[in-house]
Amino acid sequence: MTLETERLILRPWEEEDAEECYRYARDPRVGPAAGWPVHQSAEESRRVIRDVLMGPEIYAIVLKETGKPVGSIGLHRNDQVSGDDEMELGYWIGVPYWGQGLVPEAAREMLRHAFLDLGLNRVWCAYFDGNEKSKRVQEKLGFRYQRTENISVQQLGEMRRDHVSLMTREDWERMYG
């Protein structure tokens, strides 16, 4: 499935995206803030695309202007999610595109997709201490803070404070419907 916004195409990742993925995922300001290690090579990015990013409901954030991916956004199930009618929203974008409103634009479309196309009732979202950009995205979108907890970030081998927020279908309909 492909989703579209004014400036973006959200489409499934392809192994051929490895070079572009690596271009942004090798920056130490990107992955560690989101809980995953810096990519060391385009081949590692290719493996991540194949093993993780090609999963269901995970999309490359592609600029219409260039046709190239600059980040990723997706809905997934994890420890935060307890029911079939809920998922967690996750995202990252390359540093050159920070502050341009691209993640909120992509996330608004993902929320529309989650509630209308997938029939979800709740979408969770979280950020780690210090990731003020992700916190701001969630505030802009209208997520409501739920709790803070200490969790194990297995890919990085450390404990972190995780701030968890929620948007319900009713919240979304009130804001965007």
N, C-alpha and C. Protein backbone atom coordinates (compact mmCIF):
# COMPACT_ATOMS: atom_id res chain seq x y z
N MET A 1 0.84 -1.18 0.00
CA MET A 1 0.00 0.00 0.00
C MET A 1 0.89 1.24 0.00
N THR A 2 0.42 2.26 -0.68
CA THR A 2 1.10 3.54 -0.72
C THR A 2 0.15 4.60 -0.20
N LEU A 3 0.65 5.48 0.66
CA LEU A 3 -0.12 6.60 1.19
C LEU A 3 0.53 7.88 0.70
N GLU A 4 -0.26 8.96 0.65
CA GLU A 4 0.28 10.19 0.09
C GLU A 4 -0.18 11.40 0.90
N THR A 5 0.73 12.39 1.01
CA THR A 5 0.41 13.68 1.62
C THR A 5 0.80 14.76 0.61
N GLU A 6 0.71 15.98 1.02
CA GLU A 6 1.06 17.09 0.12
C GLU A 6 2.49 16.98 -0.41
N ARG A 7 3.44 16.68 0.50
CA ARG A 7 4.85 16.65 0.10
C ARG A 7 5.47 15.27 0.07
N LEU A 8 4.73 14.25 0.54
CA LEU A 8 5.34 12.94 0.77
C LEU A 8 4.58 11.79 0.14
N ILE A 9 5.33 10.76 -0.16
CA ILE A 9 4.76 9.45 -0.49
C ILE A 9 5.26 8.51 0.61
N LEU A 10 4.34 7.78 1.20
CA LEU A 10 4.68 6.77 2.19
C LEU A 10 4.47 5.43 1.49
N ARG A 11 5.57 4.72 1.29
CA ARG A 11 5.51 3.47 0.53
C ARG A 11 6.36 2.41 1.21
N PRO A 12 6.11 1.14 0.87
CA PRO A 12 6.93 0.08 1.47
C PRO A 12 8.42 0.28 1.14
N TRP A 13 9.27 -0.11 2.09
CA TRP A 13 10.71 -0.10 1.87
C TRP A 13 11.09 -1.16 0.85
N GLU A 14 12.17 -0.91 0.12
CA GLU A 14 12.73 -1.87 -0.83
C GLU A 14 14.22 -2.01 -0.54
N GLU A 15 14.77 -3.16 -0.82
CA GLU A 15 16.21 -3.36 -0.59
C GLU A 15 17.05 -2.34 -1.35
N GLU A 16 16.55 -1.87 -2.48
CA GLU A 16 17.27 -0.87 -3.28
C GLU A 16 17.38 0.48 -2.56
N ASP A 17 16.65 0.66 -1.46
CA ASP A 17 16.71 1.90 -0.68
C ASP A 17 17.90 1.92 0.29
N ALA A 18 18.71 0.88 0.29
CA ALA A 18 19.76 0.74 1.30
C ALA A 18 20.72 1.93 1.35
N GLU A 19 21.17 2.42 0.22
CA GLU A 19 22.12 3.55 0.21
C GLU A 19 21.49 4.79 0.85
N GLU A 20 20.25 5.08 0.50
CA GLU A 20 19.58 6.26 1.07
C GLU A 20 19.33 6.06 2.57
N CYS A 21 18.92 4.86 2.95
CA CYS A 21 18.71 4.57 4.37
C CYS A 21 20.01 4.80 5.13
N TYR A 22 21.09 4.25 4.62
CA TYR A 22 22.40 4.39 5.27
C TYR A 22 22.82 5.85 5.36
N ARG A 23 22.53 6.63 4.34
CA ARG A 23 22.90 8.06 4.33
C ARG A 23 22.43 8.76 5.62
N TYR A 24 21.24 8.40 6.09
CA TYR A 24 20.67 9.06 7.28
C TYR A 24 20.86 8.24 8.55
N ALA A 25 20.81 6.90 8.45
CA ALA A 25 20.90 6.04 9.64
C ALA A 25 22.32 5.93 10.20
N ARG A 26 23.31 6.42 9.47
CA ARG A 26 24.69 6.40 9.99
C ARG A 26 24.97 7.60 10.89
N ASP A 27 24.08 8.57 10.91
CA ASP A 27 24.26 9.77 11.73
C ASP A 27 23.93 9.41 13.19
N PRO A 28 24.85 9.64 14.12
CA PRO A 28 24.61 9.26 15.52
C PRO A 28 23.48 10.05 16.21
N ARG A 29 22.97 11.08 15.57
CA ARG A 29 21.85 11.83 16.15
C ARG A 29 20.50 11.17 15.85
N VAL A 30 20.48 10.17 14.97
CA VAL A 30 19.21 9.60 14.52
C VAL A 30 18.85 8.33 15.30
N GLY A 31 19.53 7.23 15.05
CA GLY A 31 19.16 5.94 15.62
C GLY A 31 19.17 5.87 17.14
N PRO A 32 20.27 6.26 17.79
CA PRO A 32 20.30 6.15 19.24
C PRO A 32 19.17 6.90 19.95
N ALA A 33 18.74 8.03 19.40
CA ALA A 33 17.61 8.76 20.00
C ALA A 33 16.33 7.94 19.94
N ALA A 34 16.24 7.08 18.91
CA ALA A 34 15.05 6.25 18.72
C ALA A 34 15.22 4.85 19.31
N GLY A 35 16.42 4.53 19.80
CA GLY A 35 16.63 3.25 20.47
C GLY A 35 17.30 2.17 19.63
N TRP A 36 17.94 2.56 18.53
CA TRP A 36 18.67 1.59 17.72
C TRP A 36 20.04 2.13 17.36
N PRO A 37 20.99 1.23 17.12
CA PRO A 37 22.38 1.66 16.89
C PRO A 37 22.59 2.29 15.51
N VAL A 38 23.62 3.11 15.45
CA VAL A 38 24.05 3.73 14.20
C VAL A 38 24.37 2.63 13.19
N HIS A 39 23.91 2.81 11.96
CA HIS A 39 24.25 1.85 10.91
C HIS A 39 25.70 2.05 10.49
N GLN A 40 26.42 0.93 10.29
CA GLN A 40 27.84 0.97 9.97
C GLN A 40 28.14 0.85 8.48
N SER A 41 27.14 0.45 7.68
CA SER A 41 27.38 0.26 6.24
C SER A 41 26.04 0.21 5.51
N ALA A 42 26.10 0.39 4.20
CA ALA A 42 24.89 0.24 3.38
C ALA A 42 24.38 -1.20 3.45
N GLU A 43 25.29 -2.14 3.58
CA GLU A 43 24.87 -3.54 3.68
C GLU A 43 24.09 -3.78 4.98
N GLU A 44 24.52 -3.16 6.07
CA GLU A 44 23.76 -3.26 7.31
C GLU A 44 22.37 -2.65 7.13
N SER A 45 22.31 -1.49 6.48
CA SER A 45 21.00 -0.87 6.20
C SER A 45 20.13 -1.80 5.36
N ARG A 46 20.72 -2.49 4.40
CA ARG A 46 19.97 -3.44 3.57
C ARG A 46 19.40 -4.56 4.44
N ARG A 47 20.20 -5.07 5.39
CA ARG A 47 19.71 -6.12 6.30
C ARG A 47 18.57 -5.60 7.17
N VAL A 48 18.70 -4.37 7.67
CA VAL A 48 17.64 -3.79 8.50
C VAL A 48 16.37 -3.60 7.67
N ILE A 49 16.52 -3.15 6.46
CA ILE A 49 15.36 -3.00 5.57
C ILE A 49 14.69 -4.37 5.41
N ARG A 50 15.47 -5.39 5.08
CA ARG A 50 14.94 -6.73 4.83
C ARG A 50 14.30 -7.33 6.09
N ASP A 51 14.97 -7.20 7.23
CA ASP A 51 14.54 -7.89 8.45
C ASP A 51 13.56 -7.10 9.30
N VAL A 52 13.55 -5.77 9.19
CA VAL A 52 12.71 -4.95 10.06
C VAL A 52 11.77 -4.05 9.26
N LEU A 53 12.34 -3.23 8.39
CA LEU A 53 11.56 -2.18 7.75
C LEU A 53 10.61 -2.69 6.67
N MET A 54 10.81 -3.90 6.19
CA MET A 54 9.88 -4.46 5.21
C MET A 54 8.71 -5.17 5.88
N GLY A 55 8.53 -4.93 7.18
CA GLY A 55 7.42 -5.51 7.91
C GLY A 55 6.11 -4.84 7.55
N PRO A 56 5.01 -5.44 7.99
CA PRO A 56 3.70 -4.85 7.69
C PRO A 56 3.53 -3.48 8.33
N GLU A 57 2.91 -2.58 7.61
CA GLU A 57 2.58 -1.23 8.09
C GLU A 57 3.79 -0.37 8.43
N ILE A 58 4.93 -0.66 7.80
CA ILE A 58 6.12 0.19 7.94
C ILE A 58 6.41 0.79 6.57
N TYR A 59 6.60 2.10 6.54
CA TYR A 59 6.71 2.83 5.29
C TYR A 59 7.96 3.69 5.24
N ALA A 60 8.55 3.78 4.05
CA ALA A 60 9.60 4.76 3.79
C ALA A 60 8.92 6.11 3.63
N ILE A 61 9.49 7.15 4.24
CA ILE A 61 9.03 8.52 4.03
C ILE A 61 9.81 9.04 2.82
N VAL A 62 9.12 9.21 1.70
CA VAL A 62 9.76 9.58 0.44
C VAL A 62 9.32 11.00 0.05
N LEU A 63 10.29 11.84 -0.25
CA LEU A 63 9.98 13.19 -0.72
C LEU A 63 9.45 13.12 -2.15
N LYS A 64 8.29 13.69 -2.41
CA LYS A 64 7.76 13.72 -3.77
C LYS A 64 8.75 14.43 -4.70
N GLU A 65 9.37 15.46 -4.17
CA GLU A 65 10.30 16.29 -4.94
C GLU A 65 11.47 15.50 -5.52
N THR A 66 11.98 14.52 -4.78
CA THR A 66 13.17 13.77 -5.21
C THR A 66 12.90 12.31 -5.51
N GLY A 67 11.81 11.76 -4.94
CA GLY A 67 11.52 10.34 -5.10
C GLY A 67 12.40 9.46 -4.23
N LYS A 68 13.13 10.05 -3.28
CA LYS A 68 14.06 9.28 -2.44
C LYS A 68 13.58 9.25 -0.98
N PRO A 69 13.81 8.11 -0.31
CA PRO A 69 13.43 8.02 1.11
C PRO A 69 14.37 8.83 1.99
N VAL A 70 13.78 9.49 2.99
CA VAL A 70 14.56 10.30 3.94
C VAL A 70 14.29 9.89 5.39
N GLY A 71 13.44 8.89 5.59
CA GLY A 71 13.10 8.45 6.93
C GLY A 71 12.12 7.29 6.87
N SER A 72 11.57 6.97 8.03
CA SER A 72 10.66 5.83 8.13
C SER A 72 9.57 6.13 9.14
N ILE A 73 8.40 5.55 8.90
CA ILE A 73 7.28 5.69 9.83
C ILE A 73 6.48 4.40 9.76
N GLY A 74 5.95 3.98 10.89
CA GLY A 74 5.17 2.75 10.85
C GLY A 74 4.36 2.52 12.10
N LEU A 75 3.47 1.58 11.97
CA LEU A 75 2.65 1.11 13.08
C LEU A 75 3.07 -0.32 13.38
N HIS A 76 3.28 -0.61 14.66
CA HIS A 76 3.71 -1.95 15.02
C HIS A 76 3.17 -2.35 16.38
N ARG A 77 3.28 -3.62 16.66
CA ARG A 77 2.85 -4.16 17.95
C ARG A 77 4.09 -4.41 18.80
N ASN A 78 3.98 -4.13 20.10
CA ASN A 78 5.08 -4.39 21.03
C ASN A 78 4.51 -4.50 22.44
N ASP A 79 5.36 -4.34 23.44
CA ASP A 79 4.93 -4.48 24.83
C ASP A 79 3.90 -3.43 25.25
N GLN A 80 3.88 -2.27 24.58
CA GLN A 80 2.92 -1.21 24.92
C GLN A 80 1.50 -1.60 24.51
N VAL A 81 1.39 -2.47 23.52
CA VAL A 81 0.12 -2.76 22.87
C VAL A 81 -0.48 -4.03 23.45
N SER A 82 -1.72 -3.92 23.94
CA SER A 82 -2.32 -5.11 24.55
C SER A 82 -3.46 -5.69 23.74
N GLY A 83 -4.06 -4.92 22.84
CA GLY A 83 -5.21 -5.44 22.10
C GLY A 83 -5.01 -5.43 20.60
N ASP A 84 -5.91 -6.13 19.91
CA ASP A 84 -5.86 -6.19 18.45
C ASP A 84 -6.26 -4.87 17.81
N ASP A 85 -6.90 -4.00 18.59
CA ASP A 85 -7.39 -2.73 18.03
C ASP A 85 -6.45 -1.55 18.34
N GLU A 86 -5.18 -1.87 18.66
CA GLU A 86 -4.23 -0.81 18.97
C GLU A 86 -2.84 -1.17 18.46
N MET A 87 -2.07 -0.13 18.14
CA MET A 87 -0.69 -0.30 17.68
C MET A 87 0.12 0.90 18.17
N GLU A 88 1.45 0.80 18.03
CA GLU A 88 2.32 1.91 18.39
C GLU A 88 2.87 2.55 17.13
N LEU A 89 2.90 3.86 17.11
CA LEU A 89 3.46 4.64 16.01
C LEU A 89 4.93 4.91 16.31
N GLY A 90 5.79 4.64 15.34
CA GLY A 90 7.21 4.95 15.46
C GLY A 90 7.68 5.65 14.21
N TYR A 91 8.73 6.47 14.33
CA TYR A 91 9.21 7.23 13.19
C TYR A 91 10.63 7.70 13.42
N TRP A 92 11.32 8.00 12.31
CA TRP A 92 12.60 8.69 12.34
C TRP A 92 12.78 9.37 10.98
N ILE A 93 13.60 10.41 10.98
CA ILE A 93 13.87 11.11 9.73
C ILE A 93 15.30 11.62 9.75
N GLY A 94 15.92 11.71 8.59
CA GLY A 94 17.30 12.17 8.47
C GLY A 94 17.47 13.61 8.96
N VAL A 95 18.62 13.88 9.56
CA VAL A 95 18.91 15.19 10.15
C VAL A 95 18.67 16.36 9.19
N PRO A 96 19.04 16.27 7.90
CA PRO A 96 18.81 17.43 7.02
C PRO A 96 17.33 17.83 6.91
N TYR A 97 16.43 16.95 7.32
CA TYR A 97 14.99 17.21 7.18
C TYR A 97 14.31 17.54 8.51
N TRP A 98 15.10 17.64 9.59
CA TRP A 98 14.53 18.03 10.88
C TRP A 98 13.97 19.44 10.78
N GLY A 99 12.89 19.67 11.51
CA GLY A 99 12.34 21.02 11.62
C GLY A 99 11.55 21.49 10.42
N GLN A 100 11.25 20.60 9.47
CA GLN A 100 10.49 20.99 8.28
C GLN A 100 9.03 20.54 8.33
N GLY A 101 8.63 19.92 9.44
CA GLY A 101 7.25 19.46 9.58
C GLY A 101 6.92 18.20 8.79
N LEU A 102 7.94 17.49 8.32
CA LEU A 102 7.69 16.29 7.52
C LEU A 102 7.18 15.13 8.36
N VAL A 103 7.74 14.93 9.55
CA VAL A 103 7.26 13.83 10.40
C VAL A 103 5.82 14.07 10.84
N PRO A 104 5.46 15.26 11.33
CA PRO A 104 4.04 15.46 11.65
C PRO A 104 3.12 15.26 10.45
N GLU A 105 3.56 15.67 9.27
CA GLU A 105 2.76 15.47 8.06
C GLU A 105 2.57 13.98 7.78
N ALA A 106 3.65 13.22 7.85
CA ALA A 106 3.56 11.77 7.63
C ALA A 106 2.73 11.11 8.72
N ALA A 107 2.92 11.55 9.96
CA ALA A 107 2.20 10.93 11.09
C ALA A 107 0.70 11.22 11.02
N ARG A 108 0.31 12.40 10.58
CA ARG A 108 -1.13 12.67 10.43
C ARG A 108 -1.76 11.68 9.44
N GLU A 109 -1.05 11.40 8.35
CA GLU A 109 -1.57 10.43 7.38
C GLU A 109 -1.58 9.02 7.97
N MET A 110 -0.56 8.67 8.76
CA MET A 110 -0.54 7.35 9.40
C MET A 110 -1.68 7.22 10.40
N LEU A 111 -1.99 8.27 11.12
CA LEU A 111 -3.11 8.22 12.07
C LEU A 111 -4.43 8.06 11.32
N ARG A 112 -4.59 8.79 10.21
CA ARG A 112 -5.80 8.61 9.40
C ARG A 112 -5.91 7.15 8.94
N HIS A 113 -4.82 6.61 8.45
CA HIS A 113 -4.77 5.21 8.00
C HIS A 113 -5.09 4.26 9.16
N ALA A 114 -4.52 4.52 10.32
CA ALA A 114 -4.73 3.65 11.48
C ALA A 114 -6.20 3.59 11.88
N PHE A 115 -6.83 4.76 11.98
CA PHE A 115 -8.20 4.80 12.48
C PHE A 115 -9.25 4.48 11.41
N LEU A 116 -9.04 4.95 10.18
CA LEU A 116 -10.05 4.74 9.15
C LEU A 116 -9.83 3.45 8.34
N ASP A 117 -8.61 3.22 7.89
CA ASP A 117 -8.36 2.04 7.06
C ASP A 117 -8.20 0.76 7.88
N LEU A 118 -7.46 0.85 8.98
CA LEU A 118 -7.19 -0.34 9.79
C LEU A 118 -8.20 -0.56 10.91
N GLY A 119 -9.02 0.44 11.19
CA GLY A 119 -10.05 0.30 12.21
C GLY A 119 -9.53 0.23 13.64
N LEU A 120 -8.36 0.81 13.88
CA LEU A 120 -7.82 0.81 15.23
C LEU A 120 -8.60 1.76 16.13
N ASN A 121 -8.57 1.50 17.44
CA ASN A 121 -9.20 2.39 18.41
C ASN A 121 -8.20 3.19 19.22
N ARG A 122 -6.93 2.71 19.25
CA ARG A 122 -5.90 3.43 20.00
C ARG A 122 -4.56 3.33 19.28
N VAL A 123 -3.84 4.44 19.30
CA VAL A 123 -2.47 4.46 18.79
C VAL A 123 -1.59 5.05 19.89
N TRP A 124 -0.59 4.28 20.28
CA TRP A 124 0.38 4.69 21.29
C TRP A 124 1.59 5.32 20.61
N CYS A 125 2.32 6.13 21.33
CA CYS A 125 3.56 6.69 20.82
C CYS A 125 4.43 7.01 22.04
N ALA A 126 5.74 6.88 21.90
CA ALA A 126 6.63 7.10 23.04
C ALA A 126 7.91 7.77 22.58
N TYR A 127 8.60 8.38 23.53
CA TYR A 127 9.92 8.96 23.26
C TYR A 127 10.78 8.78 24.50
N PHE A 128 12.07 8.68 24.27
CA PHE A 128 13.02 8.55 25.37
C PHE A 128 13.42 9.91 25.91
N ASP A 129 13.82 9.95 27.19
CA ASP A 129 14.36 11.18 27.78
C ASP A 129 15.35 11.82 26.82
N GLY A 130 15.24 13.12 26.65
CA GLY A 130 16.19 13.85 25.83
C GLY A 130 15.79 13.98 24.38
N ASN A 131 14.81 13.20 23.91
CA ASN A 131 14.40 13.29 22.52
C ASN A 131 13.27 14.32 22.40
N GLU A 132 13.66 15.58 22.52
CA GLU A 132 12.68 16.68 22.53
C GLU A 132 11.96 16.81 21.19
N LYS A 133 12.63 16.47 20.09
CA LYS A 133 12.00 16.57 18.77
C LYS A 133 10.82 15.60 18.67
N SER A 134 11.01 14.39 19.14
CA SER A 134 9.93 13.41 19.10
C SER A 134 8.79 13.82 20.05
N LYS A 135 9.16 14.34 21.20
CA LYS A 135 8.15 14.83 22.15
C LYS A 135 7.30 15.91 21.49
N ARG A 136 7.96 16.83 20.78
CA ARG A 136 7.26 17.94 20.14
C ARG A 136 6.32 17.43 19.04
N VAL A 137 6.75 16.44 18.27
CA VAL A 137 5.89 15.86 17.23
C VAL A 137 4.61 15.33 17.88
N GLN A 138 4.75 14.60 18.97
CA GLN A 138 3.59 14.02 19.63
C GLN A 138 2.66 15.10 20.17
N GLU A 139 3.23 16.17 20.71
CA GLU A 139 2.40 17.28 21.19
C GLU A 139 1.64 17.94 20.04
N LYS A 140 2.33 18.16 18.93
CA LYS A 140 1.69 18.79 17.76
C LYS A 140 0.53 17.95 17.26
N LEU A 141 0.69 16.63 17.29
CA LEU A 141 -0.33 15.73 16.78
C LEU A 141 -1.52 15.59 17.71
N GLY A 142 -1.35 15.92 18.98
CA GLY A 142 -2.44 15.81 19.94
C GLY A 142 -2.43 14.55 20.79
N PHE A 143 -1.30 13.84 20.83
CA PHE A 143 -1.20 12.69 21.73
C PHE A 143 -1.29 13.18 23.17
N ARG A 144 -1.87 12.36 24.04
CA ARG A 144 -2.01 12.70 25.46
C ARG A 144 -1.07 11.82 26.29
N TYR A 145 -0.28 12.47 27.14
CA TYR A 145 0.67 11.78 28.00
C TYR A 145 -0.07 10.78 28.90
N GLN A 146 0.52 9.57 29.05
CA GLN A 146 -0.07 8.53 29.89
C GLN A 146 0.81 8.15 31.07
N ARG A 147 2.13 7.94 30.80
CA ARG A 147 3.00 7.47 31.89
C ARG A 147 4.47 7.56 31.46
N THR A 148 5.34 7.46 32.46
CA THR A 148 6.78 7.36 32.25
C THR A 148 7.24 6.09 32.93
N GLU A 149 8.10 5.34 32.24
CA GLU A 149 8.59 4.09 32.81
C GLU A 149 10.04 3.87 32.40
N ASN A 150 10.73 3.08 33.18
CA ASN A 150 12.09 2.68 32.83
C ASN A 150 12.00 1.38 32.05
N ILE A 151 12.63 1.37 30.87
CA ILE A 151 12.58 0.16 30.04
C ILE A 151 13.98 -0.21 29.58
N SER A 152 14.13 -1.46 29.22
CA SER A 152 15.38 -1.96 28.66
C SER A 152 15.37 -1.73 27.15
N VAL A 153 16.39 -1.04 26.66
CA VAL A 153 16.55 -0.83 25.21
C VAL A 153 17.57 -1.87 24.76
N GLN A 154 17.06 -3.01 24.35
CA GLN A 154 17.91 -4.17 24.09
C GLN A 154 18.94 -3.92 23.00
N GLN A 155 18.56 -3.23 21.93
CA GLN A 155 19.51 -3.01 20.83
C GLN A 155 20.73 -2.19 21.27
N LEU A 156 20.54 -1.36 22.30
CA LEU A 156 21.64 -0.53 22.78
C LEU A 156 22.22 -1.03 24.10
N GLY A 157 21.58 -2.05 24.69
CA GLY A 157 22.06 -2.63 25.94
C GLY A 157 22.03 -1.68 27.11
N GLU A 158 20.95 -0.91 27.24
CA GLU A 158 20.86 0.05 28.34
C GLU A 158 19.41 0.25 28.78
N MET A 159 19.27 0.84 29.94
CA MET A 159 17.96 1.21 30.46
C MET A 159 17.71 2.68 30.14
N ARG A 160 16.45 3.01 29.83
CA ARG A 160 16.08 4.40 29.54
C ARG A 160 14.71 4.71 30.10
N ARG A 161 14.50 6.01 30.32
CA ARG A 161 13.16 6.49 30.71
C ARG A 161 12.37 6.72 29.44
N ASP A 162 11.20 6.07 29.36
CA ASP A 162 10.34 6.11 28.20
C ASP A 162 9.05 6.84 28.58
N HIS A 163 8.68 7.85 27.81
CA HIS A 163 7.48 8.64 28.06
C HIS A 163 6.43 8.22 27.04
N VAL A 164 5.32 7.68 27.53
CA VAL A 164 4.31 7.04 26.68
C VAL A 164 3.08 7.93 26.57
N SER A 165 2.60 8.12 25.34
CA SER A 165 1.41 8.92 25.06
C SER A 165 0.43 8.10 24.24
N LEU A 166 -0.80 8.58 24.17
CA LEU A 166 -1.88 7.84 23.53
C LEU A 166 -2.76 8.79 22.73
N MET A 167 -3.25 8.29 21.58
CA MET A 167 -4.33 8.95 20.87
C MET A 167 -5.40 7.90 20.62
N THR A 168 -6.62 8.22 21.04
CA THR A 168 -7.75 7.33 20.79
C THR A 168 -8.44 7.75 19.50
N ARG A 169 -9.27 6.85 19.01
CA ARG A 169 -10.07 7.17 17.82
C ARG A 169 -10.91 8.43 18.08
N GLU A 170 -11.47 8.54 19.29
CA GLU A 170 -12.30 9.70 19.65
C GLU A 170 -11.45 10.97 19.64
N ASP A 171 -10.23 10.91 20.18
CA ASP A 171 -9.34 12.08 20.14
C ASP A 171 -9.09 12.50 18.70
N TRP A 172 -8.79 11.50 17.85
CA TRP A 172 -8.49 11.79 16.45
C TRP A 172 -9.68 12.40 15.74
N GLU A 173 -10.85 11.83 15.96
CA GLU A 173 -12.06 12.36 15.32
C GLU A 173 -12.34 13.79 15.76
N ARG A 174 -12.11 14.08 17.03
CA ARG A 174 -12.31 15.42 17.56
C ARG A 174 -11.34 16.42 16.91
N MET A 175 -10.10 15.98 16.71
CA MET A 175 -9.07 16.88 16.17
C MET A 175 -9.08 16.95 14.64
N TYR A 176 -9.29 15.82 13.98
CA TYR A 176 -9.09 15.76 12.54
C TYR A 176 -10.32 15.33 11.75
N GLY A 177 -11.30 14.75 12.43
CA GLY A 177 -12.42 14.11 11.73
C GLY A 177 -13.41 15.01 11.10
